[in-house]
Amino acid sequence: MINTTNRGDLPNEFESLILAAGHYVRPSEDLRPQVLEQARTAQQERRMQRHLAKLAAVVFLAVTVLTVYRQPASAAGNHLFSPGGSAVSLDVEANGRVDERNWETVESFTDIRRRQAALLRL
């Protein structure tokens, strides 16, 4: 049993106990193969997670790119801010008339802005 009354001798006593226990503790014969197998399994799981993350990123980018580029040509012309370059795109019909849907959208946004401004003044 360890005598705890003499505090100055505790480190030496613990060291001697640890050194004495070193002769009694023996690792099993299959310890090293078990540790190596667990390390391989953990590495394979990390590798699989990295591959799945990369695959998910590629699928996300592919879906995003396909969604952007597969927009119908008629739908692309009806957007107020289209990637075509102009801020407001106007569809001109074959007889030279301007499509009224775009102007209705602009007018509705203008009306909303007027209402918001009126509410903020109160």
Protein backbone atom coordinates (compact mmCIF):
# COMPACT_ATOMS: atom_id res chain seq x y z
CA MET A 1 0.00 0.00 0.00
CA ILE A 2 1.16 3.53 -0.76
CA ASN A 3 1.98 5.77 2.18
CA THR A 4 0.60 9.25 1.41
CA THR A 5 1.96 10.97 4.50
CA ASN A 6 5.34 11.71 2.96
CA ARG A 7 4.50 13.93 -0.05
CA GLY A 8 8.11 14.23 -1.20
CA ASP A 9 8.39 10.51 -1.94
CA LEU A 10 5.18 10.16 -3.98
CA PRO A 11 6.69 10.70 -7.46
CA ASN A 12 9.41 8.13 -6.79
CA GLU A 13 6.89 5.68 -5.38
CA PHE A 14 4.59 6.07 -8.39
CA GLU A 15 7.46 5.63 -10.79
CA SER A 16 8.56 2.46 -9.01
CA LEU A 17 4.99 1.10 -9.17
CA ILE A 18 4.78 1.87 -12.88
CA LEU A 19 8.14 0.24 -13.55
CA ALA A 20 7.11 -2.82 -11.54
CA ALA A 21 3.81 -3.09 -13.43
CA GLY A 22 5.67 -3.03 -16.73
CA HIS A 23 6.91 -6.54 -16.09
CA TYR A 24 3.37 -7.86 -15.49
CA VAL A 25 1.50 -6.21 -18.34
CA ARG A 26 1.86 -8.02 -21.64
CA PRO A 27 -0.02 -7.12 -24.83
CA SER A 28 -1.88 -9.94 -26.50
CA GLU A 29 -0.47 -11.49 -29.64
CA ASP A 30 -3.29 -10.18 -31.82
CA LEU A 31 -3.18 -6.58 -30.52
CA ARG A 32 -1.09 -5.22 -33.38
CA PRO A 33 -3.19 -6.83 -36.14
CA GLN A 34 -6.37 -5.56 -34.47
CA VAL A 35 -5.04 -2.01 -34.29
CA LEU A 36 -3.88 -2.13 -37.91
CA GLU A 37 -7.26 -3.47 -39.06
CA GLN A 38 -9.12 -0.74 -37.17
CA ALA A 39 -6.84 1.90 -38.71
CA ARG A 40 -7.48 0.52 -42.22
CA THR A 41 -11.23 0.47 -41.62
CA ALA A 42 -11.21 4.05 -40.34
CA GLN A 43 -9.12 5.17 -43.34
CA GLN A 44 -11.52 3.45 -45.77
CA GLU A 45 -14.49 5.13 -44.12
CA ARG A 46 -12.83 8.57 -44.36
CA ARG A 47 -11.95 7.92 -48.00
CA MET A 48 -15.54 6.87 -48.75
CA GLN A 49 -16.88 10.02 -47.06
CA ARG A 50 -14.55 12.20 -49.12
CA HIS A 51 -15.65 10.46 -52.33
CA LEU A 52 -19.32 10.90 -51.43
CA ALA A 53 -18.77 14.58 -50.65
CA LYS A 54 -17.03 15.09 -54.00
CA LEU A 55 -19.80 13.21 -55.80
CA ALA A 56 -22.46 15.33 -54.09
CA ALA A 57 -20.63 18.52 -55.11
CA VAL A 58 -20.37 17.36 -58.73
CA VAL A 59 -24.06 16.41 -58.85
CA PHE A 60 -25.03 19.76 -57.33
CA LEU A 61 -22.95 21.69 -59.85
CA ALA A 62 -24.24 19.59 -62.75
CA VAL A 63 -27.87 20.13 -61.75
CA THR A 64 -27.25 23.85 -61.29
CA VAL A 65 -25.57 24.22 -64.68
CA LEU A 66 -28.21 22.14 -66.45
CA THR A 67 -31.00 24.13 -64.83
CA VAL A 68 -29.48 27.43 -65.92
CA TYR A 69 -28.75 26.39 -69.49
CA ARG A 70 -31.93 24.40 -70.14
CA GLN A 71 -34.30 27.32 -69.66
CA PRO A 72 -36.61 27.64 -72.63
CA ALA A 73 -35.83 30.55 -74.93
CA SER A 74 -39.33 32.00 -74.47
CA ALA A 75 -39.02 31.96 -70.65
CA ALA A 76 -35.63 33.67 -70.79
CA GLY A 77 -37.13 36.63 -72.66
CA ASN A 78 -39.82 37.24 -70.04
CA HIS A 79 -37.47 37.90 -67.12
CA LEU A 80 -36.93 41.46 -66.01
CA PHE A 81 -33.25 40.79 -65.34
CA SER A 82 -32.22 38.25 -67.89
CA PRO A 83 -28.66 37.04 -68.48
CA GLY A 84 -28.95 38.39 -72.01
CA GLY A 85 -27.43 41.71 -71.01
CA SER A 86 -30.30 44.21 -70.89
CA ALA A 87 -31.91 45.12 -67.58
CA VAL A 88 -35.45 44.93 -68.99
CA SER A 89 -36.02 42.74 -72.00
CA LEU A 90 -39.00 43.49 -74.17
CA ASP A 91 -40.60 40.88 -76.38
CA VAL A 92 -41.51 42.36 -79.70
CA GLU A 93 -44.19 40.43 -81.53
CA ALA A 94 -44.11 39.83 -85.27
CA ASN A 95 -46.32 42.83 -85.98
CA GLY A 96 -44.00 45.19 -84.05
CA ARG A 97 -46.04 45.46 -80.84
CA VAL A 98 -44.39 45.23 -77.46
CA ASP A 99 -45.49 42.38 -75.21
CA GLU A 100 -47.63 43.94 -72.45
CA ARG A 101 -46.70 41.35 -69.77
CA ASN A 102 -43.29 42.94 -69.26
CA TRP A 103 -44.77 46.39 -68.79
CA GLU A 104 -47.35 45.02 -66.36
CA THR A 105 -44.54 43.60 -64.25
CA VAL A 106 -42.66 46.89 -64.30
CA GLU A 107 -45.81 48.78 -63.38
CA SER A 108 -46.60 46.41 -60.52
CA PHE A 109 -43.09 46.86 -59.08
CA THR A 110 -43.38 50.62 -59.43
CA ASP A 111 -46.77 50.55 -57.68
CA ILE A 112 -45.37 48.44 -54.82
CA ARG A 113 -42.48 50.88 -54.39
CA ARG A 114 -44.91 53.82 -54.24
CA ARG A 115 -46.98 52.06 -51.58
CA GLN A 116 -43.87 51.25 -49.54
CA ALA A 117 -42.70 54.85 -49.77
CA ALA A 118 -46.11 56.10 -48.65
CA LEU A 119 -46.09 53.73 -45.65
CA LEU A 120 -42.60 54.79 -44.65
CA ARG A 121 -43.56 58.47 -44.71
CA LEU A 122 -46.21 57.87 -42.04
